[in-house]
Amino acid sequence: MKTKEIKLKTNARVGKPSRKITDKEEIRSLRSNPPLILNSAEASVVFGIHVRTIRAYKKRFADFPAHQKTPRSEMVIYRDELIAWFKERGALTKEETNKTNND
């Protein structure tokens, strides 16, 4: 039986491990059937952008749909809110919206 390896790297500023999604099966699963609630790593895989971009959007745009209890906690992102946010800015085409909205 093959075990699934999850790579963790330590964030030097905070000292917490941050998860990097590298397993091809997990990436394929996230893209084909994205969950309703995402963290920043999952959102970056689903929408094909880098995690740093997600974090930059959170800092730059007050209306970015990511929720955090404290500034250092993991972001909680609701898939449908993020799709609507990207649509408002014309960042998602109809085809990309259909790929991420498999309800």
Protein backbone atom coordinates (compact mmCIF):
# COMPACT_ATOMS: atom_id res chain seq x y z
CA MET A 1 0.00 0.00 0.00
CA LYS A 2 1.40 3.33 -1.03
CA THR A 3 1.33 6.01 1.66
CA LYS A 4 0.47 9.58 0.84
CA GLU A 5 3.24 12.02 1.64
CA ILE A 6 2.30 15.51 2.74
CA LYS A 7 5.13 18.00 2.63
CA LEU A 8 5.22 20.54 5.41
CA LYS A 9 7.50 23.52 5.46
CA THR A 10 7.95 25.85 8.39
CA ASN A 11 6.94 29.45 8.05
CA ALA A 12 9.97 31.28 9.45
CA ARG A 13 8.03 34.27 10.79
CA VAL A 14 5.38 32.36 12.68
CA GLY A 15 7.01 28.98 13.19
CA LYS A 16 3.88 27.08 12.14
CA PRO A 17 4.04 24.42 9.44
CA SER A 18 2.23 25.42 6.26
CA ARG A 19 0.79 22.77 3.99
CA LYS A 20 1.79 22.58 0.34
CA ILE A 21 -0.43 20.44 -1.86
CA THR A 22 1.78 18.36 -4.14
CA ASP A 23 -0.07 15.05 -4.49
CA LYS A 24 -1.38 14.80 -8.07
CA GLU A 25 -4.45 12.81 -7.05
CA GLU A 26 -5.38 15.39 -4.42
CA ILE A 27 -4.90 18.24 -6.94
CA ARG A 28 -7.06 16.43 -9.49
CA SER A 29 -9.74 15.79 -6.87
CA LEU A 30 -9.77 19.43 -5.72
CA ARG A 31 -10.09 20.72 -9.27
CA SER A 32 -12.81 18.27 -10.32
CA ASN A 33 -14.91 18.62 -7.17
CA PRO A 34 -13.89 21.65 -5.09
CA PRO A 35 -15.25 21.73 -1.52
CA LEU A 36 -17.50 24.58 -0.37
CA ILE A 37 -14.98 25.70 2.27
CA LEU A 38 -11.34 26.12 1.23
CA ASN A 39 -8.11 27.15 2.89
CA SER A 40 -5.60 29.29 0.99
CA ALA A 41 -3.65 26.29 -0.38
CA GLU A 42 -6.79 24.59 -1.66
CA ALA A 43 -8.10 27.83 -3.20
CA SER A 44 -4.81 28.33 -5.02
CA VAL A 45 -5.06 24.83 -6.53
CA VAL A 46 -8.73 25.18 -7.50
CA PHE A 47 -8.29 28.58 -9.15
CA GLY A 48 -4.80 27.99 -10.53
CA ILE A 49 -3.10 30.89 -8.78
CA HIS A 50 -0.26 30.97 -6.27
CA VAL A 51 -0.89 31.00 -2.51
CA ARG A 52 1.06 34.26 -2.29
CA THR A 53 -1.44 35.81 -4.71
CA ILE A 54 -4.34 34.78 -2.46
CA ARG A 55 -2.59 36.36 0.53
CA ALA A 56 -1.80 39.51 -1.47
CA TYR A 57 -5.47 39.82 -2.51
CA LYS A 58 -6.46 39.55 1.17
CA LYS A 59 -4.11 42.42 2.10
CA ARG A 60 -4.86 44.59 -0.93
CA PHE A 61 -8.65 44.31 -1.27
CA ALA A 62 -10.91 44.95 1.70
CA ASP A 63 -13.76 43.03 0.06
CA PHE A 64 -11.73 39.86 -0.64
CA PRO A 65 -13.85 36.96 0.67
CA ALA A 66 -11.36 35.36 3.06
CA HIS A 67 -12.19 35.10 6.75
CA GLN A 68 -9.66 34.89 9.59
CA LYS A 69 -10.13 34.83 13.35
CA THR A 70 -6.73 36.41 13.94
CA PRO A 71 -4.23 37.88 11.47
CA ARG A 72 -1.96 34.84 11.81
CA SER A 73 -4.64 32.16 11.57
CA GLU A 74 -5.39 30.19 8.42
CA MET A 75 -7.82 31.77 5.99
CA VAL A 76 -11.25 30.26 5.48
CA ILE A 77 -12.55 30.93 1.99
CA TYR A 78 -16.03 30.05 0.80
CA ARG A 79 -15.85 28.78 -2.77
CA ASP A 80 -19.02 30.49 -4.01
CA GLU A 81 -18.02 33.85 -2.50
CA LEU A 82 -14.62 33.63 -4.20
CA ILE A 83 -16.20 32.75 -7.56
CA ALA A 84 -18.53 35.75 -7.24
CA TRP A 85 -15.60 38.00 -6.26
CA PHE A 86 -13.61 36.93 -9.31
CA LYS A 87 -16.67 37.35 -11.57
CA GLU A 88 -17.17 40.94 -10.37
CA ARG A 89 -13.66 41.74 -11.54
CA GLY A 90 -13.99 39.83 -14.82
CA ALA A 91 -11.24 37.46 -13.76
CA LEU A 92 -13.16 34.24 -14.46
CA THR A 93 -14.47 33.20 -17.84
CA LYS A 94 -17.73 31.26 -18.13
CA GLU A 95 -15.75 28.06 -18.81
CA GLU A 96 -13.62 28.47 -15.65
CA THR A 97 -16.74 29.16 -13.60
CA ASN A 98 -18.35 25.94 -14.81
CA LYS A 99 -15.20 23.97 -13.92
CA THR A 100 -15.19 25.28 -10.34
CA ASN A 101 -18.95 25.18 -9.74
CA ASN A 102 -19.93 21.52 -9.94
CA ASP A 103 -23.11 21.71 -7.87
